[in-house]
Amino acid sequence: MNLAHCTSSEECINTIGSYKCLIICREGYRRSDDDLYCLDVNECEEDIHFCDQICTNTIGNYSCECNTGYYLSSRTDCSDIDECGSSNPPCSHTCVNVPGSFNCLCPEGYELLNNSCLDINECLLGTHKCTKDQECINSPGGYECLLICSSGFSRSGNGSCIDIDECHNGVSACHFSQVCINTFGSYHCSCPRGYYSIGPGKTCQDINECLQQPNPCSYRCHNLPGDYECVCAPGLLRLPDGKTCAGIEYLDKANRDIQHDYFGVERNRSNDLHSEVLLPINKQPYIQCPPGFSRIQGSCQDINECEDKGKCQHECENTPGSYHCTCPPGYQLGQSGKTCLDINECLESKIDCGPDRMCFNMRGSYECIETPCPPKYDRDPLTGYCKLECDKAGIVCPPNSRYAEVLAFKMVALPSGIQAYQDLIRLIAYDQDGVHIPNTVFSIIENDTGVPFRIRLEEGKGVLYTQKSMESNREYQIKVQAVSFNEDHVIQYTTKFLVFVSVSQYPY
């Protein structure tokens, strides 16, 4: 007989002489001590859960989680993650899976850093076993000890030292009028016959044979470029040796033996001493030739001054009694009339390249190069540099600094024949007031030229140089970064130099 009045959500509890209606709690809950509320059961704290590793309590229930290196394979169970078996293994070389983690192993000659095996540079650390007469060459995972090549030698593919042919490779310092002769381990600059050298890279000088003792001529010596000729006194003619003079009596006797005529003035090394008619010496008039002409076979003939390679820097054009020098397009003759000077078209022709471009005067030409400023940078109207102000950069600049970065453009026009290890340009970092900052570190950050450019620090300036001879008639572009520090070694300014280098096809 049911006389109680409990609801469907209540449980009827019989008591002596009466009954109680208590709230029914679902799974995951229990009644409060006063039996009025249902309170959540914390299965995790009471350890009545079935989680394999981590239990997280929720209202009326709980959930299971796994430690790092594991994954939830079911509602309550955790399984090990095989990191080494993934499509993107975490190790650069060997990966060994362990419960909940993994280990990276490196081969000999490598060290582990952030799961990557980095080559140990034994040469740099000084842990190699090369002797003093050997050069340590680092290689992946090891090193090689190779014999040090002396100056003038380079290392071949098999490690041996071979002679550098400076003449063939174009790295000699010989002048264009000199002859480069390769030697074992070196080279020397020689001059053609009739000239002498005053040093590598210097113009060959004519030998004045007429100043030699004893004098090569019996009467008078006339010096010529790279040569000389002997002149005889009036009434005398030169003998076949080109040096000795004799009178008509001797020539009459000689003519009976050989049908040659020795009239006229011939160059010492010429064999063309034949003529058709033998005239008495007292009927041969003496001709005084004007400057630029030489008396040959009784007549004045033009001297080709252009046979002397040192007359003109570029090309020589012979004219009657004289000569004149010419220059290639883009050059003009200097005051001496022999050397060629570059025409600065950018200044003399007032070239206007338009916005975001600069006029680059090259030797013999010019070019309008692209110099756009990156976003948020402003163009300096005086220098043309690009400057990024601190408020536009979105960064906190050092005290008293206005610019976060400056992009400067530098242009270098060079002649051909630039040899290895030759300085090209000195870069200087300035603050916003134009004061040189000597405490600056320079580094090359972009170089796609194929030529190994390097930079060294010299009295607070960055000196850009090349480790290889530069090709003629070619342009190069290198980007250099200069980071300047204050006395507390805090970065104060950053300057980037975009260096444009042009090498002419001519050595001037």
Protein backbone atom coordinates (compact mmCIF):
# COMPACT_ATOMS: atom_id res chain seq x y z
CA MET A 1 0.00 0.00 0.00
CA ASN A 2 1.68 3.25 -1.16
CA LEU A 3 0.58 6.15 1.07
CA ALA A 4 3.67 8.34 0.47
CA HIS A 5 3.48 11.49 -1.63
CA CYS A 6 7.03 11.63 -3.17
CA THR A 7 7.56 12.92 -6.72
CA SER A 8 9.14 10.93 -9.51
CA SER A 9 12.47 12.69 -8.92
CA GLU A 10 12.45 11.72 -5.26
CA GLU A 11 13.16 8.53 -3.43
CA CYS A 12 10.76 7.41 -0.62
CA ILE A 13 12.58 6.35 2.54
CA ASN A 14 10.40 4.68 5.24
CA THR A 15 10.99 5.75 8.79
CA ILE A 16 9.39 4.57 12.09
CA GLY A 17 5.90 5.93 12.04
CA SER A 18 6.48 8.00 8.88
CA TYR A 19 8.62 8.37 5.67
CA LYS A 20 11.02 10.77 3.91
CA CYS A 21 11.21 11.94 0.32
CA LEU A 22 14.92 12.30 -0.74
CA ILE A 23 16.20 13.72 -4.03
CA ILE A 24 17.44 11.16 -6.49
CA CYS A 25 21.04 11.88 -7.77
CA ARG A 26 22.33 10.67 -11.13
CA GLU A 27 25.57 8.76 -11.67
CA GLY A 28 28.52 11.00 -10.95
CA TYR A 29 26.64 12.84 -8.18
CA ARG A 30 25.84 12.14 -4.53
CA ARG A 31 23.43 13.73 -2.03
CA SER A 32 24.65 16.43 0.26
CA ASP A 33 24.83 15.82 3.97
CA ASP A 34 21.47 17.52 4.49
CA ASP A 35 20.01 15.42 1.66
CA LEU A 36 18.75 18.52 -0.10
CA TYR A 37 21.24 18.76 -3.05
CA CYS A 38 23.14 16.59 -5.49
CA LEU A 39 26.89 17.27 -5.36
CA ASP A 40 29.44 16.35 -8.08
CA VAL A 41 31.66 13.38 -7.28
CA ASN A 42 35.38 14.11 -8.01
CA GLU A 43 36.38 10.73 -9.31
CA CYS A 44 39.95 11.90 -9.84
CA GLU A 45 40.58 12.93 -6.22
CA GLU A 46 38.77 9.91 -4.84
CA ASP A 47 40.72 7.67 -7.24
CA ILE A 48 37.63 5.92 -8.51
CA HIS A 49 38.46 6.59 -12.21
CA PHE A 50 39.88 4.23 -14.83
CA CYS A 51 42.34 6.66 -16.56
CA ASP A 52 45.70 5.23 -17.56
CA GLN A 53 47.65 8.47 -16.92
CA ILE A 54 45.91 11.82 -16.35
CA CYS A 55 42.40 12.23 -14.92
CA THR A 56 40.51 15.49 -15.35
CA ASN A 57 37.30 15.93 -13.35
CA THR A 58 34.18 17.29 -15.04
CA ILE A 59 30.70 18.03 -13.69
CA GLY A 60 29.08 14.68 -13.20
CA ASN A 61 31.90 12.79 -14.92
CA TYR A 62 35.64 12.80 -15.73
CA SER A 63 37.88 12.60 -18.80
CA CYS A 64 41.24 11.01 -19.44
CA GLU A 65 44.35 12.63 -20.97
CA CYS A 66 47.87 11.48 -21.72
CA ASN A 67 51.35 12.73 -20.92
CA THR A 68 53.57 14.29 -23.61
CA GLY A 69 54.75 11.60 -25.98
CA TYR A 70 51.57 9.53 -25.65
CA TYR A 71 48.17 9.60 -27.30
CA LEU A 72 44.71 8.44 -26.09
CA SER A 73 44.06 5.11 -27.77
CA SER A 74 40.71 4.58 -26.03
CA ARG A 75 38.57 6.48 -23.52
CA THR A 76 40.94 5.59 -20.69
CA ASP A 77 44.10 4.05 -22.20
CA CYS A 78 47.30 5.83 -23.43
CA SER A 79 49.75 4.52 -26.04
CA ASP A 80 53.30 5.68 -26.91
CA ILE A 81 53.74 8.02 -29.89
CA ASP A 82 56.46 6.74 -32.24
CA GLU A 83 57.95 10.08 -33.24
CA CYS A 84 60.68 8.37 -35.26
CA GLY A 85 58.14 6.61 -37.45
CA SER A 86 56.31 9.79 -38.47
CA SER A 87 56.47 11.20 -41.99
CA ASN A 88 58.56 14.10 -40.67
CA PRO A 89 61.04 12.62 -38.15
CA PRO A 90 62.31 15.11 -35.55
CA CYS A 91 66.00 14.14 -35.92
CA SER A 92 68.32 15.16 -38.73
CA HIS A 93 70.20 11.84 -38.64
CA THR A 94 69.36 8.84 -36.40
CA CYS A 95 66.15 8.76 -34.33
CA VAL A 96 65.60 6.21 -31.49
CA ASN A 97 62.10 5.94 -30.03
CA VAL A 98 61.72 5.57 -26.25
CA PRO A 99 58.49 5.42 -24.14
CA GLY A 100 56.97 8.86 -24.24
CA SER A 101 59.86 10.47 -26.09
CA PHE A 102 62.75 9.94 -28.52
CA ASN A 103 66.51 10.33 -28.69
CA CYS A 104 68.56 11.81 -31.55
CA LEU A 105 71.95 10.28 -32.27
CA CYS A 106 74.74 11.82 -34.34
CA PRO A 107 77.56 10.13 -36.23
CA GLU A 108 81.18 10.77 -35.32
CA GLY A 109 82.34 14.26 -36.17
CA TYR A 110 78.97 15.86 -35.43
CA GLU A 111 77.39 17.40 -32.34
CA LEU A 112 73.71 17.56 -31.40
CA LEU A 113 71.96 20.91 -31.20
CA ASN A 114 68.15 21.22 -31.13
CA ASN A 115 67.68 17.71 -32.56
CA SER A 116 70.00 18.54 -35.47
CA CYS A 117 73.48 17.15 -36.01
CA LEU A 118 75.92 19.94 -36.80
CA ASP A 119 79.37 19.35 -38.23
CA ILE A 120 82.22 19.88 -35.78
CA ASN A 121 84.79 22.20 -37.39
CA GLU A 122 87.93 20.59 -36.04
CA CYS A 123 90.05 23.08 -37.99
CA LEU A 124 88.42 26.06 -36.31
CA LEU A 125 88.41 24.51 -32.83
CA GLY A 126 92.01 23.37 -33.11
CA THR A 127 91.19 19.72 -32.33
CA HIS A 128 92.77 18.44 -35.56
CA LYS A 129 96.06 16.59 -35.80
CA CYS A 130 97.56 18.36 -38.82
CA THR A 131 101.23 19.31 -38.70
CA LYS A 132 102.64 22.82 -39.16
CA ASP A 133 103.38 22.26 -42.84
CA GLN A 134 99.84 21.05 -43.46
CA GLU A 135 96.59 22.94 -43.90
CA CYS A 136 93.49 21.69 -42.13
CA ILE A 137 90.50 21.48 -44.49
CA ASN A 138 87.19 20.84 -42.74
CA SER A 139 84.80 18.35 -44.30
CA PRO A 140 81.37 17.01 -43.22
CA GLY A 141 82.02 14.84 -40.18
CA GLY A 142 85.80 15.13 -40.36
CA TYR A 143 88.75 17.00 -41.85
CA GLU A 144 91.73 16.58 -44.15
CA CYS A 145 95.36 17.50 -43.67
CA LEU A 146 96.76 18.81 -46.95
CA LEU A 147 100.20 20.18 -47.71
CA ILE A 148 100.26 23.98 -47.54
CA CYS A 149 100.70 25.44 -51.02
CA SER A 150 103.30 28.18 -51.33
CA SER A 151 102.56 31.52 -52.92
CA GLY A 152 102.05 31.10 -56.66
CA PHE A 153 100.56 27.64 -56.30
CA SER A 154 97.00 26.38 -55.89
CA ARG A 155 95.56 23.09 -54.73
CA SER A 156 94.31 20.71 -57.38
CA GLY A 157 91.42 18.29 -57.07
CA ASN A 158 93.67 15.50 -55.77
CA GLY A 159 95.15 17.74 -53.06
CA SER A 160 98.52 18.38 -54.69
CA CYS A 161 99.96 21.85 -55.27
CA ILE A 162 100.15 22.99 -58.89
CA ASP A 163 101.59 26.15 -60.40
CA ILE A 164 99.22 29.06 -61.00
CA ASP A 165 99.56 30.37 -64.54
CA GLU A 166 99.06 34.04 -63.67
CA CYS A 167 99.48 35.01 -67.33
CA HIS A 168 96.73 32.68 -68.56
CA ASN A 169 94.37 33.40 -65.66
CA GLY A 170 94.67 37.17 -66.09
CA VAL A 171 95.81 37.80 -62.51
CA SER A 172 99.24 39.19 -63.36
CA ALA A 173 100.06 42.84 -62.82
CA CYS A 174 101.75 43.28 -66.20
CA HIS A 175 101.00 46.39 -68.25
CA PHE A 176 99.31 45.85 -71.62
CA SER A 177 102.57 46.83 -73.35
CA GLN A 178 104.46 44.16 -71.39
CA VAL A 179 104.74 40.44 -72.10
CA CYS A 180 103.74 38.18 -69.21
CA ILE A 181 105.98 35.12 -68.85
CA ASN A 182 104.83 32.42 -66.43
CA THR A 183 107.42 30.80 -64.19
CA PHE A 184 107.19 27.96 -61.68
CA GLY A 185 105.41 29.51 -58.72
CA SER A 186 105.47 33.04 -60.10
CA TYR A 187 105.72 35.15 -63.26
CA HIS A 188 107.62 38.13 -64.57
CA CYS A 189 106.78 41.00 -66.88
CA SER A 190 109.08 41.33 -69.87
CA CYS A 191 109.20 43.81 -72.73
CA PRO A 192 109.54 43.34 -76.51
CA ARG A 193 112.90 43.61 -78.21
CA GLY A 194 114.20 47.17 -78.12
CA TYR A 195 112.37 48.01 -74.88
CA TYR A 196 113.16 47.53 -71.20
CA SER A 197 110.94 47.10 -68.15
CA ILE A 198 110.84 49.42 -65.15
CA GLY A 199 108.61 47.10 -63.17
CA PRO A 200 105.35 45.13 -63.32
CA GLY A 201 102.42 47.21 -64.45
CA LYS A 202 104.64 49.97 -65.88
CA THR A 203 104.82 50.98 -69.54
CA CYS A 204 107.74 49.46 -71.45
CA GLN A 205 110.46 52.04 -72.01
CA ASP A 206 112.38 52.40 -75.26
CA ILE A 207 116.05 51.43 -75.15
CA ASN A 208 118.16 54.27 -76.55
CA GLU A 209 120.79 52.17 -78.26
CA CYS A 210 122.58 55.35 -79.32
CA LEU A 211 123.66 55.94 -75.69
CA GLN A 212 125.42 52.59 -75.45
CA GLN A 213 129.18 52.38 -75.20
CA PRO A 214 130.74 51.70 -77.54
CA ASN A 215 128.36 53.45 -79.93
CA PRO A 216 126.81 50.94 -82.35
CA CYS A 217 127.31 53.30 -85.35
CA SER A 218 130.59 54.43 -86.89
CA TYR A 219 129.33 57.98 -87.53
CA ARG A 220 125.91 59.00 -86.18
CA CYS A 221 123.20 56.97 -84.42
CA HIS A 222 119.50 57.85 -84.76
CA ASN A 223 117.25 56.29 -82.09
CA LEU A 224 113.87 54.85 -83.11
CA PRO A 225 111.01 53.36 -81.03
CA GLY A 226 112.27 49.86 -80.19
CA ASP A 227 115.14 50.17 -82.66
CA TYR A 228 117.83 52.48 -84.08
CA GLU A 229 119.45 53.38 -87.42
CA CYS A 230 122.93 54.46 -88.41
CA VAL A 231 123.41 57.59 -90.52
CA CYS A 232 126.53 58.30 -92.56
CA ALA A 233 128.20 61.64 -93.20
CA PRO A 234 127.75 63.36 -96.58
CA GLY A 235 129.93 61.66 -99.13
CA LEU A 236 129.82 58.31 -97.35
CA LEU A 237 127.42 55.40 -97.66
CA ARG A 238 126.48 52.69 -95.20
CA LEU A 239 127.86 49.20 -95.64
CA PRO A 240 125.76 46.00 -95.50
CA ASP A 241 126.38 45.63 -91.76
CA GLY A 242 124.14 48.70 -91.31
CA LYS A 243 126.66 50.31 -88.97
CA THR A 244 129.83 51.15 -90.90
CA CYS A 245 130.25 53.97 -93.45
CA ALA A 246 132.63 53.91 -96.45
CA GLY A 247 133.63 56.16 -99.40
CA ILE A 248 133.06 55.70 -103.15
CA GLU A 249 136.43 54.00 -103.70
CA TYR A 250 135.41 51.12 -101.46
CA LEU A 251 131.96 50.91 -103.06
CA ASP A 252 133.38 50.77 -106.59
CA LYS A 253 135.48 47.79 -105.59
CA ALA A 254 132.61 46.15 -103.82
CA ASN A 255 130.30 46.72 -106.81
CA ARG A 256 132.61 44.71 -109.00
CA ASP A 257 132.19 41.77 -106.66
CA ILE A 258 128.48 42.06 -105.84
CA GLN A 259 125.81 44.03 -107.66
CA HIS A 260 124.44 45.82 -104.62
CA ASP A 261 123.84 49.49 -104.02
CA TYR A 262 124.36 50.89 -100.54
CA PHE A 263 122.86 54.30 -101.16
CA GLY A 264 120.32 55.65 -98.70
CA VAL A 265 119.67 55.24 -94.98
CA GLU A 266 118.37 51.83 -93.88
CA ARG A 267 117.29 50.59 -90.45
CA ASN A 268 119.83 48.44 -88.67
CA ARG A 269 117.81 45.23 -88.74
CA SER A 270 116.55 45.45 -92.34
CA ASN A 271 117.90 43.12 -95.07
CA ASP A 272 116.43 45.16 -97.93
CA LEU A 273 119.69 46.82 -99.06
CA HIS A 274 119.31 46.21 -102.82
CA SER A 275 118.83 48.92 -105.45
CA GLU A 276 118.92 49.13 -109.20
CA VAL A 277 121.44 51.90 -110.06
CA LEU A 278 124.79 52.81 -108.58
CA LEU A 279 125.36 56.57 -108.77
CA PRO A 280 128.61 58.33 -108.00
CA ILE A 281 128.56 59.67 -104.48
CA ASN A 282 129.36 63.18 -105.64
CA LYS A 283 126.12 63.20 -107.64
CA GLN A 284 123.90 62.02 -104.76
CA PRO A 285 122.40 65.11 -103.07
CA TYR A 286 121.97 65.04 -99.29
CA ILE A 287 118.39 65.67 -98.20
CA GLN A 288 117.53 67.14 -94.79
CA CYS A 289 114.16 65.63 -93.76
CA PRO A 290 111.59 67.55 -91.67
CA PRO A 291 110.44 66.28 -88.27
CA GLY A 292 108.37 63.12 -88.55
CA PHE A 293 110.22 61.90 -91.64
CA SER A 294 113.31 59.76 -92.13
CA ARG A 295 115.73 59.65 -95.07
CA ILE A 296 115.46 56.23 -96.69
CA GLN A 297 117.14 55.40 -100.01
CA GLY A 298 117.73 59.06 -100.72
CA SER A 299 114.19 60.28 -100.07
CA CYS A 300 112.24 61.44 -97.01
CA GLN A 301 109.65 58.91 -95.90
CA ASP A 302 107.09 59.24 -93.14
CA ILE A 303 107.97 57.71 -89.77
CA ASN A 304 105.14 55.54 -88.45
CA GLU A 305 105.15 56.69 -84.84
CA CYS A 306 102.30 54.26 -84.08
CA GLU A 307 104.76 51.38 -84.16
CA ASP A 308 105.69 52.56 -80.67
CA LYS A 309 103.03 50.93 -78.46
CA GLY A 310 103.58 53.49 -75.75
CA LYS A 311 102.56 56.48 -77.87
CA CYS A 312 98.82 56.25 -77.15
CA GLN A 313 96.83 54.72 -74.33
CA HIS A 314 94.11 53.43 -76.68
CA GLU A 315 94.70 53.60 -80.44
CA CYS A 316 97.20 55.48 -82.57
CA GLU A 317 96.49 56.86 -86.05
CA ASN A 318 99.53 57.71 -88.15
CA THR A 319 99.47 60.94 -90.16
CA PRO A 320 102.07 62.37 -92.59
CA GLY A 321 104.88 63.59 -90.37
CA SER A 322 102.99 63.01 -87.15
CA TYR A 323 100.24 61.00 -85.44
CA HIS A 324 97.24 61.45 -83.16
CA CYS A 325 95.62 59.33 -80.45
CA THR A 326 91.98 58.28 -80.33
CA CYS A 327 89.77 57.03 -77.48
CA PRO A 328 86.82 54.62 -77.39
CA PRO A 329 83.24 55.95 -77.11
CA GLY A 330 82.54 57.48 -73.70
CA TYR A 331 86.14 58.70 -73.29
CA GLN A 332 87.96 61.89 -74.25
CA LEU A 333 91.65 62.70 -74.69
CA GLY A 334 93.45 64.17 -71.71
CA GLN A 335 95.66 67.24 -71.77
CA SER A 336 98.67 65.21 -72.90
CA GLY A 337 96.77 64.11 -76.02
CA LYS A 338 97.74 60.51 -75.29
CA THR A 339 95.67 59.29 -72.33
CA CYS A 340 91.91 58.64 -72.29
CA LEU A 341 89.67 60.11 -69.59
CA ASP A 342 86.15 58.96 -68.83
CA ILE A 343 83.30 61.34 -69.71
CA ASN A 344 80.96 61.74 -66.74
CA GLU A 345 77.68 61.76 -68.66
CA CYS A 346 75.67 62.00 -65.43
CA LEU A 347 77.16 65.43 -64.67
CA GLU A 348 78.11 66.83 -68.06
CA SER A 349 74.87 65.77 -69.78
CA LYS A 350 72.77 66.30 -66.62
CA ILE A 351 71.08 62.92 -66.99
CA ASP A 352 67.67 62.77 -65.28
CA CYS A 353 66.80 59.14 -64.57
CA GLY A 354 63.46 59.91 -62.94
CA PRO A 355 62.03 58.79 -59.56
CA ASP A 356 63.43 55.73 -57.76
CA ARG A 357 66.45 55.66 -60.10
CA MET A 358 69.99 56.99 -59.94
CA CYS A 359 72.50 57.79 -62.67
CA PHE A 360 75.52 55.49 -62.40
CA ASN A 361 78.50 56.90 -64.29
CA MET A 362 80.58 53.97 -65.54
CA ARG A 363 83.88 54.13 -67.38
CA GLY A 364 82.92 54.83 -70.98
CA SER A 365 79.18 54.87 -70.37
CA TYR A 366 76.39 55.38 -67.84
CA GLU A 367 73.26 53.58 -66.66
CA CYS A 368 70.11 54.51 -64.79
CA ILE A 369 69.90 51.93 -62.01
CA GLU A 370 66.82 51.04 -59.96
CA THR A 371 67.04 52.33 -56.37
CA PRO A 372 63.48 52.04 -54.97
CA CYS A 373 62.89 52.57 -51.27
CA PRO A 374 61.24 49.69 -49.36
CA PRO A 375 57.74 50.25 -47.87
CA LYS A 376 57.60 52.76 -45.00
CA TYR A 377 61.04 54.18 -45.95
CA ASP A 378 61.44 57.85 -46.92
CA ARG A 379 63.84 59.15 -49.59
CA ASP A 380 66.44 61.63 -48.32
CA PRO A 381 66.36 64.51 -50.85
CA LEU A 382 70.05 65.34 -50.34
CA THR A 383 71.74 61.90 -50.46
CA GLY A 384 69.04 59.85 -52.19
CA TYR A 385 69.29 57.25 -49.39
CA CYS A 386 66.23 55.47 -47.99
CA LYS A 387 65.56 56.03 -44.27
CA LEU A 388 63.13 54.21 -41.96
CA GLU A 389 62.00 56.36 -39.03
CA CYS A 390 61.52 54.66 -35.68
CA ASP A 391 57.81 55.49 -35.37
CA LYS A 392 57.11 53.94 -38.77
CA ALA A 393 59.20 50.85 -38.03
CA GLY A 394 57.00 49.89 -35.08
CA ILE A 395 60.03 49.17 -32.89
CA VAL A 396 61.64 50.87 -29.93
CA CYS A 397 64.80 52.63 -31.08
CA PRO A 398 67.74 53.40 -28.77
CA PRO A 399 67.68 56.78 -27.01
CA ASN A 400 68.31 59.81 -29.25
CA SER A 401 67.95 57.67 -32.40
CA ARG A 402 65.59 58.86 -35.10
CA TYR A 403 66.08 56.16 -37.72
CA ALA A 404 65.69 52.41 -37.30
CA GLU A 405 67.57 51.68 -40.53
CA VAL A 406 69.22 53.46 -43.46
CA LEU A 407 69.59 52.01 -46.97
CA ALA A 408 72.55 53.66 -48.74
CA PHE A 409 73.50 53.30 -52.41
CA LYS A 410 77.17 53.18 -53.45
CA MET A 411 78.51 53.05 -57.03
CA VAL A 412 82.07 52.06 -58.02
CA ALA A 413 83.41 52.33 -61.60
CA LEU A 414 86.63 50.38 -62.13
CA PRO A 415 89.01 49.78 -65.07
CA SER A 416 89.64 46.27 -66.35
CA GLY A 417 92.45 44.18 -64.89
CA ILE A 418 91.20 44.18 -61.28
CA GLN A 419 93.28 41.48 -59.62
CA ALA A 420 92.50 39.27 -56.65
CA TYR A 421 92.71 40.81 -53.15
CA GLN A 422 92.39 44.36 -54.49
CA ASP A 423 90.40 46.83 -52.40
CA LEU A 424 87.29 48.16 -54.14
CA ILE A 425 85.57 50.60 -51.76
CA ARG A 426 85.64 51.74 -48.12
CA LEU A 427 82.23 51.88 -46.44
CA ILE A 428 81.63 54.23 -43.50
CA ALA A 429 78.67 54.16 -41.10
CA TYR A 430 77.40 57.54 -39.87
CA ASP A 431 74.86 58.50 -37.23
CA GLN A 432 71.88 60.77 -37.94
CA ASP A 433 74.10 63.83 -37.41
CA GLY A 434 76.69 62.70 -39.98
CA VAL A 435 79.29 61.64 -37.39
CA HIS A 436 81.41 58.56 -38.16
CA ILE A 437 80.65 55.58 -35.86
CA PRO A 438 83.89 53.57 -35.57
CA ASN A 439 82.40 50.81 -33.40
CA THR A 440 80.69 49.12 -36.35
CA VAL A 441 80.57 45.52 -37.55
CA PHE A 442 80.30 44.98 -41.33
CA SER A 443 79.06 41.81 -43.04
CA ILE A 444 78.05 40.81 -46.58
CA ILE A 445 74.41 39.68 -46.54
CA GLU A 446 73.73 39.31 -50.28
CA ASN A 447 76.14 38.24 -53.05
CA ASP A 448 74.80 36.41 -56.10
CA THR A 449 77.65 37.44 -58.40
CA GLY A 450 79.62 34.18 -58.26
CA VAL A 451 82.71 36.14 -57.18
CA PRO A 452 83.98 35.68 -53.59
CA PHE A 453 83.81 39.21 -52.22
CA ARG A 454 84.98 39.74 -48.63
CA ILE A 455 84.96 42.66 -46.19
CA ARG A 456 87.42 43.52 -43.44
CA LEU A 457 87.40 46.10 -40.66
CA GLU A 458 90.00 48.85 -40.93
CA GLU A 459 89.96 51.85 -38.56
CA GLY A 460 86.21 51.57 -38.10
CA LYS A 461 85.55 51.31 -41.84
CA GLY A 462 84.45 48.33 -43.90
CA VAL A 463 86.87 47.63 -46.78
CA LEU A 464 85.25 45.59 -49.56
CA TYR A 465 87.67 43.51 -51.64
CA THR A 466 87.63 40.54 -54.00
CA GLN A 467 89.35 37.18 -53.60
CA LYS A 468 89.28 36.55 -57.35
CA SER A 469 90.14 38.61 -60.39
CA MET A 470 87.09 40.42 -61.79
CA GLU A 471 85.90 39.98 -65.35
CA SER A 472 86.04 43.00 -67.62
CA ASN A 473 82.92 44.57 -69.13
CA ARG A 474 80.69 43.25 -66.32
CA GLU A 475 78.54 44.62 -63.48
CA TYR A 476 78.28 43.31 -59.92
CA GLN A 477 75.87 44.01 -57.06
CA ILE A 478 76.57 43.29 -53.37
CA LYS A 479 74.60 44.16 -50.22
CA VAL A 480 76.51 44.91 -47.01
CA GLN A 481 75.05 45.39 -43.53
CA ALA A 482 76.70 47.65 -40.96
CA VAL A 483 75.58 47.37 -37.32
CA SER A 484 76.86 50.19 -35.10
CA PHE A 485 77.12 49.98 -31.31
CA ASN A 486 77.41 52.58 -28.57
CA GLU A 487 79.91 52.52 -25.71
CA ASP A 488 77.70 50.07 -23.78
CA HIS A 489 77.72 47.64 -26.74
CA VAL A 490 74.05 48.30 -27.44
CA ILE A 491 72.96 48.48 -31.09
CA GLN A 492 72.57 52.14 -31.98
CA TYR A 493 72.18 52.21 -35.79
CA THR A 494 71.80 49.80 -38.68
CA THR A 495 72.91 50.75 -42.18
CA LYS A 496 72.60 48.64 -45.31
CA PHE A 497 74.79 49.44 -48.31
CA LEU A 498 73.70 48.40 -51.80
CA VAL A 499 77.00 48.48 -53.72
CA PHE A 500 76.95 48.62 -57.53
CA VAL A 501 80.31 47.76 -59.16
CA SER A 502 81.07 48.22 -62.87
CA VAL A 503 84.26 46.95 -64.53
CA SER A 504 85.22 48.53 -67.87
CA GLN A 505 86.42 46.59 -70.89
CA TYR A 506 89.44 48.90 -70.99
CA PRO A 507 92.30 49.23 -68.47
CA TYR A 508 91.56 52.95 -67.94
